[in-house]
Structure formats: C-alpha cells, structure tokens
Amino acid sequence: MAALNPMSSEPPASAKAPSVTRPAALPRADAESGSQTTEYALIMVVAATIASLALAWARNGAVAGLLDGVLDHVRSLFGMG
C-alpha cells in the first residue's frame, strides 16, 4: 500500500474512481419517429367508431328487419311467399 503524502494533490490510487466509458450517443429521432403509433391509434379510433355505429344500428332492430327482407325475397324467388 502506498504511503499517503500530505503534500500531493493527487488522491491515492485506491481512492481513484474506476474509469467508466460512456455509451455511444443514441441515434436522433427522425421526422417519421412515432408516426406508425399515431396511425395505429387513428385506425383503432375509426374501427371503434364503426363498431359503435354498427352496434347502435343492430340494437334498433335493423338487423332483424334486414334478415326478414332477405328471407322474404328468397321465399318469393322460390314461390313460397
């Protein structure tokens, strides 16, 4: 172990912090960064809106009316109605 020299401005070797290498700089984000996430979010909002409208339409009896109309047309084609 090295003797401490009170006149030295340098700390003893055992007191020195280990040298640390810095990581490479992160790449800069370009203008397109995050645009895919935004596009997916907008698609999800549009899909949810369409699903809500379809559900509201179905709850008003439109699906039953549509199926009744289709079945009436099929029956008339075969001479059953």
PDB file of N, CA and C in Angstrom:
ATOM      1  N   MET A   1       0.850  -1.171   0.000  1.00  0.00           N
ATOM      2  CA  MET A   1       0.000   0.000   0.000  1.00  0.00           C
ATOM      3  C   MET A   1       0.889   1.226   0.000  1.00  0.00           C
ATOM      4  N   ALA A   2       0.530   2.197  -0.819  1.00  0.00           N
ATOM      5  CA  ALA A   2       1.338   3.411  -0.925  1.00  0.00           C
ATOM      6  C   ALA A   2       1.090   4.305   0.277  1.00  0.00           C
ATOM      7  N   ALA A   3       2.133   4.971   0.687  1.00  0.00           N
ATOM      8  CA  ALA A   3       2.015   5.893   1.820  1.00  0.00           C
ATOM      9  C   ALA A   3       1.322   7.163   1.368  1.00  0.00           C
ATOM     10  N   LEU A   4       0.516   7.744   2.258  1.00  0.00           N
ATOM     11  CA  LEU A   4      -0.174   8.981   1.938  1.00  0.00           C
ATOM     12  C   LEU A   4       0.803  10.140   2.035  1.00  0.00           C
ATOM     13  N   ASN A   5       0.855  10.956   1.041  1.00  0.00           N
ATOM     14  CA  ASN A   5       1.716  12.132   1.030  1.00  0.00           C
ATOM     15  C   ASN A   5       0.833  13.356   1.204  1.00  0.00           C
ATOM     16  N   PRO A   6       0.899  14.051   2.317  1.00  0.00           N
ATOM     17  CA  PRO A   6       0.032  15.196   2.552  1.00  0.00           C
ATOM     18  C   PRO A   6       0.310  16.340   1.585  1.00  0.00           C
ATOM     19  N   MET A   7       1.436  16.378   0.942  1.00  0.00           N
ATOM     20  CA  MET A   7       1.774  17.451   0.020  1.00  0.00           C
ATOM     21  C   MET A   7       1.284  17.179  -1.405  1.00  0.00           C
ATOM     22  N   SER A   8       0.834  15.967  -1.662  1.00  0.00           N
ATOM     23  CA  SER A   8       0.403  15.602  -3.010  1.00  0.00           C
ATOM     24  C   SER A   8      -1.055  16.016  -3.210  1.00  0.00           C
ATOM     25  N   SER A   9      -1.357  16.569  -4.378  1.00  0.00           N
ATOM     26  CA  SER A   9      -2.738  16.948  -4.686  1.00  0.00           C
ATOM     27  C   SER A   9      -3.506  15.784  -5.302  1.00  0.00           C
ATOM     28  N   GLU A  10      -2.805  14.749  -5.616  1.00  0.00           N
ATOM     29  CA  GLU A  10      -3.411  13.575  -6.244  1.00  0.00           C
ATOM     30  C   GLU A  10      -3.837  12.583  -5.171  1.00  0.00           C
ATOM     31  N   PRO A  11      -5.071  12.070  -5.245  1.00  0.00           N
ATOM     32  CA  PRO A  11      -5.502  11.067  -4.255  1.00  0.00           C
ATOM     33  C   PRO A  11      -4.745   9.763  -4.472  1.00  0.00           C
ATOM     34  N   PRO A  12      -4.685   8.945  -3.448  1.00  0.00           N
ATOM     35  CA  PRO A  12      -4.000   7.654  -3.608  1.00  0.00           C
ATOM     36  C   PRO A  12      -4.709   6.804  -4.661  1.00  0.00           C
ATOM     37  N   ALA A  13      -4.012   5.862  -5.239  1.00  0.00           N
ATOM     38  CA  ALA A  13      -4.535   5.020  -6.323  1.00  0.00           C
ATOM     39  C   ALA A  13      -5.781   4.273  -5.884  1.00  0.00           C
ATOM     40  N   SER A  14      -5.848   3.868  -4.622  1.00  0.00           N
ATOM     41  CA  SER A  14      -7.008   3.108  -4.161  1.00  0.00           C
ATOM     42  C   SER A  14      -8.246   3.996  -4.026  1.00  0.00           C
ATOM     43  N   ALA A  15      -8.083   5.320  -3.951  1.00  0.00           N
ATOM     44  CA  ALA A  15      -9.215   6.216  -3.793  1.00  0.00           C
ATOM     45  C   ALA A  15      -9.751   6.714  -5.131  1.00  0.00           C
ATOM     46  N   LYS A  16      -9.045   6.473  -6.197  1.00  0.00           N
ATOM     47  CA  LYS A  16      -9.493   6.927  -7.513  1.00  0.00           C
ATOM     48  C   LYS A  16     -10.706   6.124  -7.963  1.00  0.00           C
ATOM     49  N   ALA A  17     -11.632   6.818  -8.577  1.00  0.00           N
ATOM     50  CA  ALA A  17     -12.811   6.150  -9.129  1.00  0.00           C
ATOM     51  C   ALA A  17     -12.390   5.374 -10.374  1.00  0.00           C
ATOM     52  N   PRO A  18     -12.984   4.220 -10.580  1.00  0.00           N
ATOM     53  CA  PRO A  18     -12.644   3.463 -11.791  1.00  0.00           C
ATOM     54  C   PRO A  18     -13.087   4.231 -13.029  1.00  0.00           C
ATOM     55  N   SER A  19     -12.324   4.107 -14.075  1.00  0.00           N
ATOM     56  CA  SER A  19     -12.699   4.813 -15.302  1.00  0.00           C
ATOM     57  C   SER A  19     -13.911   4.129 -15.928  1.00  0.00           C
ATOM     58  N   VAL A  20     -14.842   4.948 -16.341  1.00  0.00           N
ATOM     59  CA  VAL A  20     -16.085   4.444 -16.928  1.00  0.00           C
ATOM     60  C   VAL A  20     -16.172   4.980 -18.346  1.00  0.00           C
ATOM     61  N   THR A  21     -16.427   4.082 -19.267  1.00  0.00           N
ATOM     62  CA  THR A  21     -16.605   4.531 -20.646  1.00  0.00           C
ATOM     63  C   THR A  21     -18.070   4.884 -20.851  1.00  0.00           C
ATOM     64  N   ARG A  22     -18.292   5.968 -21.533  1.00  0.00           N
ATOM     65  CA  ARG A  22     -19.659   6.405 -21.799  1.00  0.00           C
ATOM     66  C   ARG A  22     -20.215   5.629 -22.987  1.00  0.00           C
ATOM     67  N   PRO A  23     -21.506   5.321 -22.936  1.00  0.00           N
ATOM     68  CA  PRO A  23     -22.104   4.631 -24.090  1.00  0.00           C
ATOM     69  C   PRO A  23     -22.161   5.567 -25.287  1.00  0.00           C
ATOM     70  N   ALA A  24     -22.239   4.970 -26.436  1.00  0.00           N
ATOM     71  CA  ALA A  24     -22.354   5.763 -27.662  1.00  0.00           C
ATOM     72  C   ALA A  24     -23.647   6.571 -27.617  1.00  0.00           C
ATOM     73  N   ALA A  25     -23.627   7.706 -28.241  1.00  0.00           N
ATOM     74  CA  ALA A  25     -24.813   8.560 -28.262  1.00  0.00           C
ATOM     75  C   ALA A  25     -25.958   7.847 -28.949  1.00  0.00           C
ATOM     76  N   LEU A  26     -27.143   8.045 -28.432  1.00  0.00           N
ATOM     77  CA  LEU A  26     -28.323   7.441 -29.030  1.00  0.00           C
ATOM     78  C   LEU A  26     -28.608   8.105 -30.365  1.00  0.00           C
ATOM     79  N   PRO A  27     -29.104   7.339 -31.330  1.00  0.00           N
ATOM     80  CA  PRO A  27     -29.414   7.961 -32.623  1.00  0.00           C
ATOM     81  C   PRO A  27     -30.548   8.968 -32.464  1.00  0.00           C
ATOM     82  N   ARG A  28     -30.473  10.023 -33.205  1.00  0.00           N
ATOM     83  CA  ARG A  28     -31.510  11.052 -33.148  1.00  0.00           C
ATOM     84  C   ARG A  28     -32.773  10.546 -33.821  1.00  0.00           C
ATOM     85  N   ALA A  29     -33.900  10.952 -33.288  1.00  0.00           N
ATOM     86  CA  ALA A  29     -35.181  10.567 -33.870  1.00  0.00           C
ATOM     87  C   ALA A  29     -35.401  11.379 -35.142  1.00  0.00           C
ATOM     88  N   ASP A  30     -35.847  10.714 -36.167  1.00  0.00           N
ATOM     89  CA  ASP A  30     -36.110  11.438 -37.405  1.00  0.00           C
ATOM     90  C   ASP A  30     -37.550  11.951 -37.418  1.00  0.00           C
ATOM     91  N   ALA A  31     -37.925  12.588 -38.483  1.00  0.00           N
ATOM     92  CA  ALA A  31     -39.257  13.196 -38.582  1.00  0.00           C
ATOM     93  C   ALA A  31     -40.368  12.152 -38.585  1.00  0.00           C
ATOM     94  N   GLU A  32     -40.066  10.918 -38.981  1.00  0.00           N
ATOM     95  CA  GLU A  32     -41.078   9.855 -39.055  1.00  0.00           C
ATOM     96  C   GLU A  32     -41.248   9.116 -37.730  1.00  0.00           C
ATOM     97  N   SER A  33     -40.454   9.438 -36.755  1.00  0.00           N
ATOM     98  CA  SER A  33     -40.488   8.725 -35.483  1.00  0.00           C
ATOM     99  C   SER A  33     -41.855   8.870 -34.819  1.00  0.00           C
ATOM    100  N   GLY A  34     -42.470   7.746 -34.481  1.00  0.00           N
ATOM    101  CA  GLY A  34     -43.765   7.754 -33.809  1.00  0.00           C
ATOM    102  C   GLY A  34     -44.959   7.845 -34.735  1.00  0.00           C
ATOM    103  N   SER A  35     -44.736   7.968 -36.031  1.00  0.00           N
ATOM    104  CA  SER A  35     -45.873   8.118 -36.946  1.00  0.00           C
ATOM    105  C   SER A  35     -46.662   6.825 -37.069  1.00  0.00           C
ATOM    106  N   GLN A  36     -45.981   5.689 -36.974  1.00  0.00           N
ATOM    107  CA  GLN A  36     -46.707   4.414 -37.061  1.00  0.00           C
ATOM    108  C   GLN A  36     -47.631   4.236 -35.869  1.00  0.00           C
ATOM    109  N   THR A  37     -47.172   4.613 -34.697  1.00  0.00           N
ATOM    110  CA  THR A  37     -48.007   4.509 -33.500  1.00  0.00           C
ATOM    111  C   THR A  37     -49.241   5.397 -33.642  1.00  0.00           C
ATOM    112  N   THR A  38     -49.053   6.589 -34.178  1.00  0.00           N
ATOM    113  CA  THR A  38     -50.173   7.503 -34.387  1.00  0.00           C
ATOM    114  C   THR A  38     -51.153   6.930 -35.393  1.00  0.00           C
ATOM    115  N   GLU A  39     -50.636   6.341 -36.460  1.00  0.00           N
ATOM    116  CA  GLU A  39     -51.518   5.743 -37.470  1.00  0.00           C
ATOM    117  C   GLU A  39     -52.328   4.600 -36.877  1.00  0.00           C
ATOM    118  N   TYR A  40     -51.687   3.743 -36.088  1.00  0.00           N
ATOM    119  CA  TYR A  40     -52.412   2.637 -35.459  1.00  0.00           C
ATOM    120  C   TYR A  40     -53.476   3.168 -34.509  1.00  0.00           C
ATOM    121  N   ALA A  41     -53.174   4.213 -33.767  1.00  0.00           N
ATOM    122  CA  ALA A  41     -54.152   4.785 -32.841  1.00  0.00           C
ATOM    123  C   ALA A  41     -55.357   5.338 -33.604  1.00  0.00           C
ATOM    124  N   LEU A  42     -55.099   6.014 -34.709  1.00  0.00           N
ATOM    125  CA  LEU A  42     -56.211   6.541 -35.508  1.00  0.00           C
ATOM    126  C   LEU A  42     -57.047   5.419 -36.100  1.00  0.00           C
ATOM    127  N   ILE A  43     -56.411   4.354 -36.557  1.00  0.00           N
ATOM    128  CA  ILE A  43     -57.147   3.210 -37.104  1.00  0.00           C
ATOM    129  C   ILE A  43     -58.024   2.586 -36.019  1.00  0.00           C
ATOM    130  N   MET A  44     -57.499   2.484 -34.805  1.00  0.00           N
ATOM    131  CA  MET A  44     -58.279   1.912 -33.706  1.00  0.00           C
ATOM    132  C   MET A  44     -59.482   2.798 -33.374  1.00  0.00           C
ATOM    133  N   VAL A  45     -59.313   4.107 -33.422  1.00  0.00           N
ATOM    134  CA  VAL A  45     -60.431   5.021 -33.152  1.00  0.00           C
ATOM    135  C   VAL A  45     -61.501   4.874 -34.233  1.00  0.00           C
ATOM    136  N   VAL A  46     -61.086   4.793 -35.490  1.00  0.00           N
ATOM    137  CA  VAL A  46     -62.049   4.631 -36.589  1.00  0.00           C
ATOM    138  C   VAL A  46     -62.770   3.290 -36.465  1.00  0.00           C
ATOM    139  N   ALA A  47     -62.028   2.220 -36.157  1.00  0.00           N
ATOM    140  CA  ALA A  47     -62.647   0.901 -36.009  1.00  0.00           C
ATOM    141  C   ALA A  47     -63.650   0.887 -34.854  1.00  0.00           C
ATOM    142  N   ALA A  48     -63.307   1.522 -33.758  1.00  0.00           N
ATOM    143  CA  ALA A  48     -64.229   1.582 -32.614  1.00  0.00           C
ATOM    144  C   ALA A  48     -65.479   2.387 -32.958  1.00  0.00           C
ATOM    145  N   THR A  49     -65.311   3.447 -33.731  1.00  0.00           N
ATOM    146  CA  THR A  49     -66.461   4.254 -34.149  1.00  0.00           C
ATOM    147  C   THR A  49     -67.387   3.454 -35.053  1.00  0.00           C
ATOM    148  N   ILE A  50     -66.819   2.740 -36.012  1.00  0.00           N
ATOM    149  CA  ILE A  50     -67.632   1.919 -36.918  1.00  0.00           C
ATOM    150  C   ILE A  50     -68.345   0.817 -36.140  1.00  0.00           C
ATOM    151  N   ALA A  51     -67.636   0.186 -35.196  1.00  0.00           N
ATOM    152  CA  ALA A  51     -68.266  -0.865 -34.385  1.00  0.00           C
ATOM    153  C   ALA A  51     -69.408  -0.296 -33.544  1.00  0.00           C
ATOM    154  N   SER A  52     -69.218   0.891 -33.000  1.00  0.00           N
ATOM    155  CA  SER A  52     -70.285   1.511 -32.199  1.00  0.00           C
ATOM    156  C   SER A  52     -71.505   1.832 -33.057  1.00  0.00           C
ATOM    157  N   LEU A  53     -71.262   2.348 -34.249  1.00  0.00           N
ATOM    158  CA  LEU A  53     -72.386   2.640 -35.148  1.00  0.00           C
ATOM    159  C   LEU A  53     -73.113   1.365 -35.573  1.00  0.00           C
ATOM    160  N   ALA A  54     -72.369   0.304 -35.859  1.00  0.00           N
ATOM    161  CA  ALA A  54     -72.993  -0.968 -36.241  1.00  0.00           C
ATOM    162  C   ALA A  54     -73.802  -1.544 -35.082  1.00  0.00           C
ATOM    163  N   LEU A  55     -73.277  -1.414 -33.881  1.00  0.00           N
ATOM    164  CA  LEU A  55     -73.993  -1.920 -32.709  1.00  0.00           C
ATOM    165  C   LEU A  55     -75.276  -1.124 -32.468  1.00  0.00           C
ATOM    166  N   ALA A  56     -75.195   0.187 -32.604  1.00  0.00           N
ATOM    167  CA  ALA A  56     -76.399   1.015 -32.442  1.00  0.00           C
ATOM    168  C   ALA A  56     -77.433   0.680 -33.514  1.00  0.00           C
ATOM    169  N   TRP A  57     -76.981   0.461 -34.746  1.00  0.00           N
ATOM    170  CA  TRP A  57     -77.878   0.099 -35.840  1.00  0.00           C
ATOM    171  C   TRP A  57     -78.545  -1.244 -35.561  1.00  0.00           C
ATOM    172  N   ALA A  58     -77.763  -2.204 -35.057  1.00  0.00           N
ATOM    173  CA  ALA A  58     -78.308  -3.532 -34.769  1.00  0.00           C
ATOM    174  C   ALA A  58     -79.295  -3.500 -33.612  1.00  0.00           C
ATOM    175  N   ARG A  59     -79.061  -2.645 -32.630  1.00  0.00           N
ATOM    176  CA  ARG A  59     -79.955  -2.574 -31.474  1.00  0.00           C
ATOM    177  C   ARG A  59     -81.300  -1.951 -31.825  1.00  0.00           C
ATOM    178  N   ASN A  60     -81.361  -1.200 -32.900  1.00  0.00           N
ATOM    179  CA  ASN A  60     -82.617  -0.579 -33.313  1.00  0.00           C
ATOM    180  C   ASN A  60     -83.469  -1.516 -34.145  1.00  0.00           C
ATOM    181  N   GLY A  61     -83.110  -2.766 -34.244  1.00  0.00           N
ATOM    182  CA  GLY A  61     -83.906  -3.735 -34.973  1.00  0.00           C
ATOM    183  C   GLY A  61     -83.618  -3.766 -36.461  1.00  0.00           C
ATOM    184  N   ALA A  62     -82.591  -3.087 -36.890  1.00  0.00           N
ATOM    185  CA  ALA A  62     -82.273  -3.034 -38.313  1.00  0.00           C
ATOM    186  C   ALA A  62     -81.828  -4.394 -38.834  1.00  0.00           C
ATOM    187  N   VAL A  63     -81.101  -5.148 -38.022  1.00  0.00           N
ATOM    188  CA  VAL A  63     -80.620  -6.460 -38.473  1.00  0.00           C
ATOM    189  C   VAL A  63     -81.797  -7.405 -38.671  1.00  0.00           C
ATOM    190  N   ALA A  64     -82.720  -7.390 -37.733  1.00  0.00           N
ATOM    191  CA  ALA A  64     -83.897  -8.259 -37.860  1.00  0.00           C
ATOM    192  C   ALA A  64     -84.709  -7.868 -39.092  1.00  0.00           C
ATOM    193  N   GLY A  65     -84.862  -6.577 -39.317  1.00  0.00           N
ATOM    194  CA  GLY A  65     -85.593  -6.116 -40.498  1.00  0.00           C
ATOM    195  C   GLY A  65     -84.893  -6.501 -41.783  1.00  0.00           C
ATOM    196  N   LEU A  66     -83.551  -6.385 -41.779  1.00  0.00           N
ATOM    197  CA  LEU A  66     -82.773  -6.758 -42.953  1.00  0.00           C
ATOM    198  C   LEU A  66     -82.901  -8.252 -43.249  1.00  0.00           C
ATOM    199  N   LEU A  67     -82.777  -9.073 -42.208  1.00  0.00           N
ATOM    200  CA  LEU A  67     -82.908 -10.528 -42.408  1.00  0.00           C
ATOM    201  C   LEU A  67     -84.316 -10.904 -42.856  1.00  0.00           C
ATOM    202  N   ASP A  68     -85.314 -10.260 -42.294  1.00  0.00           N
ATOM    203  CA  ASP A  68     -86.690 -10.532 -42.731  1.00  0.00           C
ATOM    204  C   ASP A  68     -86.865 -10.187 -44.207  1.00  0.00           C
ATOM    205  N   GLY A  69     -86.289  -9.068 -44.627  1.00  0.00           N
ATOM    206  CA  GLY A  69     -86.369  -8.667 -46.032  1.00  0.00           C
ATOM    207  C   GLY A  69     -85.669  -9.663 -46.947  1.00  0.00           C
ATOM    208  N   VAL A  70     -84.494 -10.121 -46.526  1.00  0.00           N
ATOM    209  CA  VAL A  70     -83.747 -11.105 -47.335  1.00  0.00           C
ATOM    210  C   VAL A  70     -84.533 -12.413 -47.430  1.00  0.00           C
ATOM    211  N   LEU A  71     -85.061 -12.879 -46.294  1.00  0.00           N
ATOM    212  CA  LEU A  71     -85.813 -14.135 -46.311  1.00  0.00           C
ATOM    213  C   LEU A  71     -87.095 -14.006 -47.139  1.00  0.00           C
ATOM    214  N   ASP A  72     -87.765 -12.872 -47.068  1.00  0.00           N
ATOM    215  CA  ASP A  72     -88.966 -12.657 -47.888  1.00  0.00           C
ATOM    216  C   ASP A  72     -88.612 -12.700 -49.372  1.00  0.00           C
ATOM    217  N   HIS A  73     -87.473 -12.113 -49.734  1.00  0.00           N
ATOM    218  CA  HIS A  73     -87.043 -12.110 -51.131  1.00  0.00           C
ATOM    219  C   HIS A  73     -86.709 -13.536 -51.598  1.00  0.00           C
ATOM    220  N   VAL A  74     -86.020 -14.284 -50.741  1.00  0.00           N
ATOM    221  CA  VAL A  74     -85.675 -15.676 -51.096  1.00  0.00           C
ATOM    222  C   VAL A  74     -86.935 -16.512 -51.242  1.00  0.00           C
ATOM    223  N   ARG A  75     -87.905 -16.320 -50.350  1.00  0.00           N
ATOM    224  CA  ARG A  75     -89.162 -17.060 -50.447  1.00  0.00           C
ATOM    225  C   ARG A  75     -89.901 -16.719 -51.736  1.00  0.00           C
ATOM    226  N   SER A  76     -89.876 -15.433 -52.104  1.00  0.00           N
ATOM    227  CA  SER A  76     -90.569 -15.049 -53.338  1.00  0.00           C
ATOM    228  C   SER A  76     -89.875 -15.626 -54.566  1.00  0.00           C
ATOM    229  N   LEU A  77     -88.552 -15.781 -54.506  1.00  0.00           N
ATOM    230  CA  LEU A  77     -87.827 -16.394 -55.628  1.00  0.00           C
ATOM    231  C   LEU A  77     -88.241 -17.844 -55.838  1.00  0.00           C
ATOM    232  N   PHE A  78     -88.496 -18.537 -54.738  1.00  0.00           N
ATOM    233  CA  PHE A  78     -88.879 -19.954 -54.821  1.00  0.00           C
ATOM    234  C   PHE A  78     -90.395 -20.143 -54.820  1.00  0.00           C
ATOM    235  N   GLY A  79     -91.140 -19.056 -54.861  1.00  0.00           N
ATOM    236  CA  GLY A  79     -92.601 -19.152 -54.909  1.00  0.00           C
ATOM    237  C   GLY A  79     -93.202 -19.599 -53.599  1.00  0.00           C
ATOM    238  N   MET A  80     -92.564 -19.326 -52.483  1.00  0.00           N
ATOM    239  CA  MET A  80     -93.070 -19.751 -51.188  1.00  0.00           C
ATOM    240  C   MET A  80     -93.731 -18.604 -50.423  1.00  0.00           C
ATOM    241  N   GLY A  81     -93.671 -17.431 -50.908  1.00  0.00           N
ATOM    242  CA  GLY A  81     -94.168 -16.336 -50.089  1.00  0.00           C
ATOM    243  C   GLY A  81     -95.035 -15.405 -50.736  1.00  0.00           C
TER     244      GLY A  81
END
